């Protein structure tokens, strides 16, 4: 029993000597970790500076904002991969080993994140064919469709700003496979408004009022396809309508303003805008009287 205790005591007494022998290696390893962290921090600073220079240079070259955002986002990923590669080789890892590791990791990540690769490909398609650009107002069709102003096009995602100031983030793969309506792609939009008047109202007078309102409105293009028409004969009203070109930026203000003016002018001229109603006529037979 005493022999076992003495053996254990010897092993315990050897531990300080073991630590003392390994202390230079441990100290060197800790120093290398600190240096690696410092290099990563400084490298991050340099990468951010390079991205700022790149963004500024592309901006001076009048490159599309979406291309600038995509290029900066992709460059950030590539530069950080290079930085990590250099730090790994500093720790003594061979370049071939790092390359093999990156290749294996790339295949594994690619299989696990097929949707992410589809988003990257979708982003490239968006930048190549340019169905929309930063600043455009787009509408995505579909069951979960959304709409808003494009404020950012990055590697995997496009960010929209909705009319109620919400950020809507959509995968590029989803956008590239969706039907997109670019509302602001053209300088002008066709404005169409329809309104019903009662059958007792003067249809020709209503038409004259609509034509006058269109000519007086500051945003309508009188010389470009302005037309006033009778659209249909409804159950309770005659449906009047007009079509006119307006600047894209003024589409909604013009629509709201014309709706208000139509109501005011129709009321002032005794033209009734009826609500849905049903007239019931009761006939009594002669022998029931």
C-alpha atoms as a PDB file:
ATOM      1  CA  UNK A   1       0.000   0.000   0.000  1.00  0.00           C
ATOM      2  CA  UNK A   2       2.853   2.341   0.928  1.00  0.00           C
ATOM      3  CA  UNK A   3       4.538   1.563  -2.394  1.00  0.00           C
ATOM      4  CA  UNK A   4       1.455   2.636  -4.324  1.00  0.00           C
ATOM      5  CA  UNK A   5       1.249   5.884  -2.339  1.00  0.00           C
ATOM      6  CA  UNK A   6       4.901   6.602  -3.018  1.00  0.00           C
ATOM      7  CA  UNK A   7       4.396   5.928  -6.739  1.00  0.00           C
ATOM      8  CA  UNK A   8       1.461   8.323  -6.871  1.00  0.00           C
ATOM      9  CA  UNK A   9       3.462  10.931  -4.994  1.00  0.00           C
ATOM     10  CA  UNK A  10       6.282  10.617  -7.506  1.00  0.00           C
ATOM     11  CA  UNK A  11       3.864  11.134 -10.399  1.00  0.00           C
ATOM     12  CA  UNK A  12       2.362  14.178  -8.706  1.00  0.00           C
ATOM     13  CA  UNK A  13       5.814  15.620  -8.085  1.00  0.00           C
ATOM     14  CA  UNK A  14       6.622  15.152 -11.778  1.00  0.00           C
ATOM     15  CA  UNK A  15       3.624  17.280 -12.876  1.00  0.00           C
ATOM     16  CA  UNK A  16       5.207  20.695 -12.077  1.00  0.00           C
ATOM     17  CA  UNK A  17       8.310  19.611 -13.982  1.00  0.00           C
ATOM     18  CA  UNK A  18       6.096  18.523 -16.915  1.00  0.00           C
ATOM     19  CA  UNK A  19       4.359  21.900 -16.924  1.00  0.00           C
ATOM     20  CA  UNK A  20       7.716  23.643 -16.734  1.00  0.00           C
ATOM     21  CA  UNK A  21       9.007  21.629 -19.673  1.00  0.00           C
ATOM     22  CA  UNK A  22       5.907  22.338 -21.773  1.00  0.00           C
ATOM     23  CA  UNK A  23       5.618  25.973 -20.739  1.00  0.00           C
ATOM     24  CA  UNK A  24       7.559  27.381 -23.725  1.00  0.00           C
ATOM     25  CA  UNK A  25       5.360  25.446 -26.159  1.00  0.00           C
ATOM     26  CA  UNK A  26       2.161  26.500 -24.369  1.00  0.00           C
ATOM     27  CA  UNK A  27       3.335  30.101 -24.234  1.00  0.00           C
ATOM     28  CA  UNK A  28       4.238  30.037 -27.912  1.00  0.00           C
ATOM     29  CA  UNK A  29       0.851  28.557 -28.825  1.00  0.00           C
ATOM     30  CA  UNK A  30      -1.006  31.239 -26.803  1.00  0.00           C
ATOM     31  CA  UNK A  31       1.092  33.952 -28.430  1.00  0.00           C
ATOM     32  CA  UNK A  32       0.259  32.559 -31.873  1.00  0.00           C
ATOM     33  CA  UNK A  33      -3.448  32.543 -31.004  1.00  0.00           C
ATOM     34  CA  UNK A  34      -3.255  36.170 -29.887  1.00  0.00           C
ATOM     35  CA  UNK A  35      -1.378  37.061 -33.085  1.00  0.00           C
ATOM     36  CA  UNK A  36      -3.960  35.180 -35.175  1.00  0.00           C
ATOM     37  CA  UNK A  37      -6.823  37.056 -33.492  1.00  0.00           C
ATOM     38  CA  UNK A  38      -4.997  40.333 -33.983  1.00  0.00           C
ATOM     39  CA  UNK A  39      -4.377  39.520 -37.656  1.00  0.00           C
ATOM     40  CA  UNK A  40      -8.053  38.594 -38.095  1.00  0.00           C
ATOM     41  CA  UNK A  41      -9.122  41.888 -36.511  1.00  0.00           C
ATOM     42  CA  UNK A  42      -6.709  43.939 -38.604  1.00  0.00           C
ATOM     43  CA  UNK A  43      -7.653  41.937 -41.706  1.00  0.00           C
ATOM     44  CA  UNK A  44     -11.323  42.715 -41.074  1.00  0.00           C
ATOM     45  CA  UNK A  45     -10.453  46.417 -40.894  1.00  0.00           C
ATOM     46  CA  UNK A  46      -8.539  46.190 -44.190  1.00  0.00           C
ATOM     47  CA  UNK A  47     -11.390  44.268 -45.854  1.00  0.00           C
ATOM     48  CA  UNK A  48     -13.933  46.901 -44.804  1.00  0.00           C
ATOM     49  CA  UNK A  49     -11.628  49.632 -46.135  1.00  0.00           C
ATOM     50  CA  UNK A  50     -11.185  47.801 -49.445  1.00  0.00           C
ATOM     51  CA  UNK A  51     -14.952  47.369 -49.766  1.00  0.00           C
ATOM     52  CA  UNK A  52     -15.462  51.104 -49.178  1.00  0.00           C
ATOM     53  CA  UNK A  53     -12.870  51.911 -51.861  1.00  0.00           C
ATOM     54  CA  UNK A  54     -14.505  49.409 -54.218  1.00  0.00           C
ATOM     55  CA  UNK A  55     -17.977  50.860 -53.617  1.00  0.00           C
ATOM     56  CA  UNK A  56     -16.703  54.392 -54.153  1.00  0.00           C
ATOM     57  CA  UNK A  57     -14.889  53.463 -57.367  1.00  0.00           C
ATOM     58  CA  UNK A  58     -17.892  51.631 -58.813  1.00  0.00           C
ATOM     59  CA  UNK A  59     -20.114  54.555 -57.868  1.00  0.00           C
ATOM     60  CA  UNK A  60     -17.856  56.963 -59.748  1.00  0.00           C
ATOM     61  CA  UNK A  61     -18.034  54.662 -62.766  1.00  0.00           C
ATOM     62  CA  UNK A  62     -21.870  54.965 -62.693  1.00  0.00           C
ATOM     63  CA  UNK A  63     -22.288  51.223 -62.177  1.00  0.00           C
ATOM     64  CA  UNK A  64     -25.831  50.131 -61.283  1.00  0.00           C
ATOM     65  CA  UNK A  65     -26.411  50.164 -57.512  1.00  0.00           C
ATOM     66  CA  UNK A  66     -27.616  46.555 -57.526  1.00  0.00           C
ATOM     67  CA  UNK A  67     -24.378  45.425 -59.206  1.00  0.00           C
ATOM     68  CA  UNK A  68     -22.361  47.408 -56.649  1.00  0.00           C
ATOM     69  CA  UNK A  69     -24.171  45.773 -53.725  1.00  0.00           C
ATOM     70  CA  UNK A  70     -23.840  42.284 -55.187  1.00  0.00           C
ATOM     71  CA  UNK A  71     -20.143  42.718 -56.034  1.00  0.00           C
ATOM     72  CA  UNK A  72     -19.318  44.101 -52.583  1.00  0.00           C
ATOM     73  CA  UNK A  73     -21.200  41.299 -50.863  1.00  0.00           C
ATOM     74  CA  UNK A  74     -19.441  38.618 -52.939  1.00  0.00           C
ATOM     75  CA  UNK A  75     -16.034  40.267 -52.483  1.00  0.00           C
ATOM     76  CA  UNK A  76     -16.523  40.332 -48.724  1.00  0.00           C
ATOM     77  CA  UNK A  77     -17.023  36.560 -48.626  1.00  0.00           C
ATOM     78  CA  UNK A  78     -14.001  35.897 -50.876  1.00  0.00           C
ATOM     79  CA  UNK A  79     -11.702  38.211 -48.895  1.00  0.00           C
ATOM     80  CA  UNK A  80     -12.647  36.642 -45.575  1.00  0.00           C
ATOM     81  CA  UNK A  81     -12.001  33.157 -47.000  1.00  0.00           C
ATOM     82  CA  UNK A  82      -8.538  34.291 -48.115  1.00  0.00           C
ATOM     83  CA  UNK A  83      -7.864  35.812 -44.697  1.00  0.00           C
ATOM     84  CA  UNK A  84      -8.837  32.627 -42.855  1.00  0.00           C
ATOM     85  CA  UNK A  85      -6.740  30.578 -45.305  1.00  0.00           C
ATOM     86  CA  UNK A  86      -3.652  32.682 -44.519  1.00  0.00           C
ATOM     87  CA  UNK A  87      -4.238  32.458 -40.766  1.00  0.00           C
ATOM     88  CA  UNK A  88      -4.548  28.669 -41.002  1.00  0.00           C
ATOM     89  CA  UNK A  89      -1.251  28.402 -42.890  1.00  0.00           C
ATOM     90  CA  UNK A  90       0.356  30.601 -40.216  1.00  0.00           C
ATOM     91  CA  UNK A  91      -0.497  27.903 -37.676  1.00  0.00           C
ATOM     92  CA  UNK A  92       1.470  25.398 -39.723  1.00  0.00           C
ATOM     93  CA  UNK A  93      -1.368  23.853 -41.672  1.00  0.00           C
ATOM     94  CA  UNK A  94      -0.158  22.954 -45.177  1.00  0.00           C
ATOM     95  CA  UNK A  95      -1.725  24.737 -48.133  1.00  0.00           C
ATOM     96  CA  UNK A  96      -2.680  21.446 -49.740  1.00  0.00           C
ATOM     97  CA  UNK A  97      -4.447  20.344 -46.568  1.00  0.00           C
ATOM     98  CA  UNK A  98      -6.326  23.638 -46.334  1.00  0.00           C
ATOM     99  CA  UNK A  99      -7.292  23.431 -50.013  1.00  0.00           C
ATOM    100  CA  UNK A 100      -8.521  19.851 -49.587  1.00  0.00           C
ATOM    101  CA  UNK A 101     -10.433  20.852 -46.460  1.00  0.00           C
ATOM    102  CA  UNK A 102     -12.007  23.809 -48.240  1.00  0.00           C
ATOM    103  CA  UNK A 103     -12.905  21.611 -51.215  1.00  0.00           C
ATOM    104  CA  UNK A 104     -14.520  18.991 -49.014  1.00  0.00           C
ATOM    105  CA  UNK A 105     -16.296  21.653 -46.979  1.00  0.00           C
ATOM    106  CA  UNK A 106     -17.468  23.332 -50.174  1.00  0.00           C
ATOM    107  CA  UNK A 107     -18.992  20.119 -51.506  1.00  0.00           C
ATOM    108  CA  UNK A 108     -20.624  19.339 -48.165  1.00  0.00           C
ATOM    109  CA  UNK A 109     -21.993  22.846 -47.741  1.00  0.00           C
ATOM    110  CA  UNK A 110     -23.112  22.892 -51.367  1.00  0.00           C
ATOM    111  CA  UNK A 111     -25.133  19.713 -50.891  1.00  0.00           C
ATOM    112  CA  UNK A 112     -26.563  20.955 -47.607  1.00  0.00           C
ATOM    113  CA  UNK A 113     -27.342  24.433 -48.879  1.00  0.00           C
ATOM    114  CA  UNK A 114     -28.646  23.858 -52.381  1.00  0.00           C
ATOM    115  CA  UNK A 115     -31.175  26.621 -51.822  1.00  0.00           C
ATOM    116  CA  UNK A 116     -28.347  29.031 -50.999  1.00  0.00           C
ATOM    117  CA  UNK A 117     -26.570  28.194 -54.245  1.00  0.00           C
ATOM    118  CA  UNK A 118     -29.849  28.669 -56.092  1.00  0.00           C
ATOM    119  CA  UNK A 119     -30.126  32.101 -54.459  1.00  0.00           C
ATOM    120  CA  UNK A 120     -26.615  33.028 -55.596  1.00  0.00           C
ATOM    121  CA  UNK A 121     -27.426  31.908 -59.132  1.00  0.00           C
ATOM    122  CA  UNK A 122     -30.717  33.825 -58.939  1.00  0.00           C
ATOM    123  CA  UNK A 123     -28.865  36.967 -57.883  1.00  0.00           C
ATOM    124  CA  UNK A 124     -26.523  36.641 -60.852  1.00  0.00           C
ATOM    125  CA  UNK A 125     -29.513  36.194 -63.175  1.00  0.00           C
ATOM    126  CA  UNK A 126     -31.144  39.313 -61.739  1.00  0.00           C
ATOM    127  CA  UNK A 127     -27.997  41.368 -62.276  1.00  0.00           C
ATOM    128  CA  UNK A 128     -27.440  39.924 -65.761  1.00  0.00           C
ATOM    129  CA  UNK A 129     -30.942  40.374 -67.205  1.00  0.00           C
ATOM    130  CA  UNK A 130     -31.992  43.292 -64.936  1.00  0.00           C
ATOM    131  CA  UNK A 131     -35.740  42.710 -64.570  1.00  0.00           C
ATOM    132  CA  UNK A 132     -35.511  45.383 -61.880  1.00  0.00           C
ATOM    133  CA  UNK A 133     -32.907  47.649 -60.300  1.00  0.00           C
ATOM    134  CA  UNK A 134     -32.385  49.332 -56.957  1.00  0.00           C
ATOM    135  CA  UNK A 135     -35.054  52.027 -56.607  1.00  0.00           C
ATOM    136  CA  UNK A 136     -37.713  50.226 -58.677  1.00  0.00           C
ATOM    137  CA  UNK A 137     -41.110  49.383 -57.210  1.00  0.00           C
ATOM    138  CA  UNK A 138     -41.897  45.738 -57.950  1.00  0.00           C
ATOM    139  CA  UNK A 139     -44.778  43.352 -57.310  1.00  0.00           C
ATOM    140  CA  UNK A 140     -44.052  39.632 -56.933  1.00  0.00           C
ATOM    141  CA  UNK A 141     -46.920  37.420 -58.000  1.00  0.00           C
ATOM    142  CA  UNK A 142     -47.851  34.194 -56.271  1.00  0.00           C
ATOM    143  CA  UNK A 143     -49.714  32.937 -53.252  1.00  0.00           C
ATOM    144  CA  UNK A 144     -47.344  34.736 -50.866  1.00  0.00           C
ATOM    145  CA  UNK A 145     -46.573  37.606 -53.212  1.00  0.00           C
ATOM    146  CA  UNK A 146     -45.211  40.858 -51.857  1.00  0.00           C
ATOM    147  CA  UNK A 147     -44.361  44.284 -53.177  1.00  0.00           C
ATOM    148  CA  UNK A 148     -42.186  47.258 -52.381  1.00  0.00           C
ATOM    149  CA  UNK A 149     -39.274  49.426 -53.441  1.00  0.00           C
ATOM    150  CA  UNK A 150     -36.000  47.580 -54.066  1.00  0.00           C
ATOM    151  CA  UNK A 151     -33.367  48.949 -51.681  1.00  0.00           C
ATOM    152  CA  UNK A 152     -30.746  46.192 -51.734  1.00  0.00           C
ATOM    153  CA  UNK A 153     -29.638  43.316 -54.019  1.00  0.00           C
ATOM    154  CA  UNK A 154     -27.092  41.046 -52.293  1.00  0.00           C
ATOM    155  CA  UNK A 155     -25.599  37.608 -52.935  1.00  0.00           C
ATOM    156  CA  UNK A 156     -28.525  35.565 -51.671  1.00  0.00           C
ATOM    157  CA  UNK A 157     -31.315  38.007 -50.884  1.00  0.00           C
ATOM    158  CA  UNK A 158     -33.088  41.085 -52.225  1.00  0.00           C
ATOM    159  CA  UNK A 159     -34.566  43.554 -49.744  1.00  0.00           C
ATOM    160  CA  UNK A 160     -37.748  45.515 -50.451  1.00  0.00           C
ATOM    161  CA  UNK A 161     -39.152  48.447 -48.511  1.00  0.00           C
ATOM    162  CA  UNK A 162     -42.951  48.219 -48.339  1.00  0.00           C
ATOM    163  CA  UNK A 163     -45.245  51.227 -48.419  1.00  0.00           C
ATOM    164  CA  UNK A 164     -45.720  50.927 -44.630  1.00  0.00           C
ATOM    165  CA  UNK A 165     -41.911  51.021 -44.087  1.00  0.00           C
ATOM    166  CA  UNK A 166     -41.326  47.296 -43.531  1.00  0.00           C
ATOM    167  CA  UNK A 167     -38.228  45.470 -44.763  1.00  0.00           C
ATOM    168  CA  UNK A 168     -39.214  42.481 -46.896  1.00  0.00           C
ATOM    169  CA  UNK A 169     -36.317  40.069 -47.538  1.00  0.00           C
ATOM    170  CA  UNK A 170     -36.851  37.686 -50.479  1.00  0.00           C
ATOM    171  CA  UNK A 171     -34.460  34.912 -51.603  1.00  0.00           C
ATOM    172  CA  UNK A 172     -33.029  35.652 -55.041  1.00  0.00           C
ATOM    173  CA  UNK A 173     -33.872  32.132 -56.178  1.00  0.00           C
ATOM    174  CA  UNK A 174     -37.548  32.781 -55.429  1.00  0.00           C
ATOM    175  CA  UNK A 175     -37.487  36.120 -57.247  1.00  0.00           C
ATOM    176  CA  UNK A 176     -35.751  34.744 -60.330  1.00  0.00           C
ATOM    177  CA  UNK A 177     -38.447  32.049 -60.633  1.00  0.00           C
ATOM    178  CA  UNK A 178     -41.407  34.381 -60.014  1.00  0.00           C
ATOM    179  CA  UNK A 179     -43.444  36.642 -62.244  1.00  0.00           C
ATOM    180  CA  UNK A 180     -42.301  40.157 -61.392  1.00  0.00           C
ATOM    181  CA  UNK A 181     -44.264  43.296 -62.245  1.00  0.00           C
ATOM    182  CA  UNK A 182     -41.923  46.285 -62.393  1.00  0.00           C
ATOM    183  CA  UNK A 183     -44.285  49.180 -61.744  1.00  0.00           C
ATOM    184  CA  UNK A 184     -41.705  51.949 -62.201  1.00  0.00           C
ATOM    185  CA  UNK A 185     -39.880  50.557 -65.229  1.00  0.00           C
ATOM    186  CA  UNK A 186     -41.568  53.158 -67.480  1.00  0.00           C
ATOM    187  CA  UNK A 187     -41.897  56.904 -67.065  1.00  0.00           C
ATOM    188  CA  UNK A 188     -45.673  56.823 -67.633  1.00  0.00           C
ATOM    189  CA  UNK A 189     -48.571  54.631 -66.498  1.00  0.00           C
ATOM    190  CA  UNK A 190     -52.066  54.227 -67.893  1.00  0.00           C
ATOM    191  CA  UNK A 191     -54.612  55.429 -65.359  1.00  0.00           C
ATOM    192  CA  UNK A 192     -58.101  53.925 -65.594  1.00  0.00           C
ATOM    193  CA  UNK A 193     -61.023  54.918 -63.380  1.00  0.00           C
ATOM    194  CA  UNK A 194     -64.591  53.639 -63.624  1.00  0.00           C
ATOM    195  CA  UNK A 195     -67.650  55.068 -61.920  1.00  0.00           C
ATOM    196  CA  UNK A 196     -71.336  54.160 -62.075  1.00  0.00           C
ATOM    197  CA  UNK A 197     -74.161  56.650 -62.587  1.00  0.00           C
ATOM    198  CA  UNK A 198     -77.867  56.020 -62.255  1.00  0.00           C
ATOM    199  CA  UNK A 199     -79.991  55.296 -65.320  1.00  0.00           C
ATOM    200  CA  UNK A 200     -81.947  58.497 -64.652  1.00  0.00           C
ATOM    201  CA  UNK A 201     -78.819  60.695 -64.826  1.00  0.00           C
ATOM    202  CA  UNK A 202     -77.687  62.468 -67.999  1.00  0.00           C
ATOM    203  CA  UNK A 203     -75.028  60.191 -69.485  1.00  0.00           C
ATOM    204  CA  UNK A 204     -73.755  62.787 -71.979  1.00  0.00           C
ATOM    205  CA  UNK A 205     -73.390  65.405 -69.272  1.00  0.00           C
ATOM    206  CA  UNK A 206     -71.439  62.965 -67.133  1.00  0.00           C
ATOM    207  CA  UNK A 207     -69.157  62.269 -70.066  1.00  0.00           C
ATOM    208  CA  UNK A 208     -68.547  65.998 -70.581  1.00  0.00           C
ATOM    209  CA  UNK A 209     -67.666  66.394 -66.901  1.00  0.00           C
ATOM    210  CA  UNK A 210     -65.155  63.558 -67.047  1.00  0.00           C
ATOM    211  CA  UNK A 211     -63.524  64.993 -70.161  1.00  0.00           C
ATOM    212  CA  UNK A 212     -63.262  68.426 -68.531  1.00  0.00           C
ATOM    213  CA  UNK A 213     -61.727  67.010 -65.351  1.00  0.00           C
ATOM    214  CA  UNK A 214     -59.106  65.139 -67.365  1.00  0.00           C
ATOM    215  CA  UNK A 215     -58.150  68.255 -69.303  1.00  0.00           C
ATOM    216  CA  UNK A 216     -57.915  70.358 -66.143  1.00  0.00           C
ATOM    217  CA  UNK A 217     -55.806  67.885 -64.142  1.00  0.00           C
ATOM    218  CA  UNK A 218     -52.097  68.881 -64.044  1.00  0.00           C
ATOM    219  CA  UNK A 219     -50.757  65.329 -64.370  1.00  0.00           C
ATOM    220  CA  UNK A 220     -52.800  63.950 -67.274  1.00  0.00           C
ATOM    221  CA  UNK A 221     -51.416  63.765 -70.808  1.00  0.00           C
ATOM    222  CA  UNK A 222     -54.221  65.121 -72.999  1.00  0.00           C
ATOM    223  CA  UNK A 223     -52.422  64.461 -76.273  1.00  0.00           C
ATOM    224  CA  UNK A 224     -51.577  60.802 -75.516  1.00  0.00           C
ATOM    225  CA  UNK A 225     -54.571  58.515 -75.801  1.00  0.00           C
ATOM    226  CA  UNK A 226     -57.043  60.206 -73.450  1.00  0.00           C
ATOM    227  CA  UNK A 227     -60.448  58.542 -73.818  1.00  0.00           C
ATOM    228  CA  UNK A 228     -63.792  58.661 -71.973  1.00  0.00           C
ATOM    229  CA  UNK A 229     -66.252  55.812 -72.571  1.00  0.00           C
ATOM    230  CA  UNK A 230     -69.352  53.927 -71.456  1.00  0.00           C
ATOM    231  CA  UNK A 231     -67.912  50.668 -70.184  1.00  0.00           C
ATOM    232  CA  UNK A 232     -71.061  48.623 -69.508  1.00  0.00           C
ATOM    233  CA  UNK A 233     -74.733  48.705 -68.530  1.00  0.00           C
ATOM    234  CA  UNK A 234     -74.870  47.276 -65.005  1.00  0.00           C
ATOM    235  CA  UNK A 235     -77.787  46.021 -62.942  1.00  0.00           C
ATOM    236  CA  UNK A 236     -78.147  49.297 -61.040  1.00  0.00           C
ATOM    237  CA  UNK A 237     -75.986  51.782 -62.941  1.00  0.00           C
ATOM    238  CA  UNK A 238     -74.355  52.821 -66.187  1.00  0.00           C
ATOM    239  CA  UNK A 239     -70.601  52.270 -65.794  1.00  0.00           C
ATOM    240  CA  UNK A 240     -68.633  55.245 -67.134  1.00  0.00           C
ATOM    241  CA  UNK A 241     -64.858  55.194 -67.401  1.00  0.00           C
ATOM    242  CA  UNK A 242     -61.789  56.880 -68.761  1.00  0.00           C
ATOM    243  CA  UNK A 243     -58.178  56.064 -69.546  1.00  0.00           C
ATOM    244  CA  UNK A 244     -55.321  58.531 -69.581  1.00  0.00           C
ATOM    245  CA  UNK A 245     -51.532  58.533 -69.320  1.00  0.00           C
ATOM    246  CA  UNK A 246     -49.941  60.031 -66.195  1.00  0.00           C
ATOM    247  CA  UNK A 247     -46.327  60.192 -64.929  1.00  0.00           C
ATOM    248  CA  UNK A 248     -45.456  57.056 -62.961  1.00  0.00           C
ATOM    249  CA  UNK A 249     -44.470  59.067 -59.889  1.00  0.00           C
ATOM    250  CA  UNK A 250     -47.830  60.855 -59.924  1.00  0.00           C
ATOM    251  CA  UNK A 251     -50.044  57.807 -60.521  1.00  0.00           C
ATOM    252  CA  UNK A 252     -51.556  57.479 -57.036  1.00  0.00           C
ATOM    253  CA  UNK A 253     -51.885  61.237 -56.304  1.00  0.00           C
ATOM    254  CA  UNK A 254     -53.617  61.701 -59.668  1.00  0.00           C
ATOM    255  CA  UNK A 255     -55.953  58.747 -59.024  1.00  0.00           C
ATOM    256  CA  UNK A 256     -56.946  59.952 -55.560  1.00  0.00           C
ATOM    257  CA  UNK A 257     -57.396  63.541 -56.753  1.00  0.00           C
ATOM    258  CA  UNK A 258     -59.557  62.585 -59.743  1.00  0.00           C
ATOM    259  CA  UNK A 259     -61.780  60.324 -57.636  1.00  0.00           C
ATOM    260  CA  UNK A 260     -62.442  63.217 -55.283  1.00  0.00           C
ATOM    261  CA  UNK A 261     -63.110  65.669 -58.102  1.00  0.00           C
ATOM    262  CA  UNK A 262     -65.503  63.245 -59.826  1.00  0.00           C
ATOM    263  CA  UNK A 263     -67.602  62.911 -56.670  1.00  0.00           C
ATOM    264  CA  UNK A 264     -67.680  66.678 -56.123  1.00  0.00           C
ATOM    265  CA  UNK A 265     -68.597  67.517 -59.738  1.00  0.00           C
ATOM    266  CA  UNK A 266     -71.247  64.803 -60.022  1.00  0.00           C
ATOM    267  CA  UNK A 267     -72.889  65.988 -56.794  1.00  0.00           C
ATOM    268  CA  UNK A 268     -72.796  69.621 -57.971  1.00  0.00           C
ATOM    269  CA  UNK A 269     -74.436  68.722 -61.317  1.00  0.00           C
ATOM    270  CA  UNK A 270     -77.095  66.373 -59.965  1.00  0.00           C
ATOM    271  CA  UNK A 271     -75.576  63.177 -61.338  1.00  0.00           C
ATOM    272  CA  UNK A 272     -76.309  60.326 -58.974  1.00  0.00           C
ATOM    273  CA  UNK A 273     -73.761  57.640 -58.134  1.00  0.00           C
ATOM    274  CA  UNK A 274     -76.067  54.806 -57.038  1.00  0.00           C
ATOM    275  CA  UNK A 275     -75.368  52.008 -54.612  1.00  0.00           C
ATOM    276  CA  UNK A 276     -76.316  48.428 -55.394  1.00  0.00           C
ATOM    277  CA  UNK A 277     -80.061  48.041 -55.084  1.00  0.00           C
ATOM    278  CA  UNK A 278     -82.869  45.750 -56.137  1.00  0.00           C
ATOM    279  CA  UNK A 279     -86.289  46.999 -57.247  1.00  0.00           C
ATOM    280  CA  UNK A 280     -89.146  44.617 -56.436  1.00  0.00           C
ATOM    281  CA  UNK A 281     -92.447  45.000 -58.335  1.00  0.00           C
ATOM    282  CA  UNK A 282     -95.543  43.209 -57.004  1.00  0.00           C
ATOM    283  CA  UNK A 283     -98.313  42.365 -59.499  1.00  0.00           C
ATOM    284  CA  UNK A 284    -101.787  41.332 -58.299  1.00  0.00           C
ATOM    285  CA  UNK A 285    -104.073  39.215 -60.422  1.00  0.00           C
ATOM    286  CA  UNK A 286    -107.576  40.498 -61.232  1.00  0.00           C
ATOM    287  CA  UNK A 287    -109.418  37.628 -59.472  1.00  0.00           C
ATOM    288  CA  UNK A 288    -107.438  38.233 -56.255  1.00  0.00           C
ATOM    289  CA  UNK A 289    -108.611  41.833 -55.890  1.00  0.00           C
END
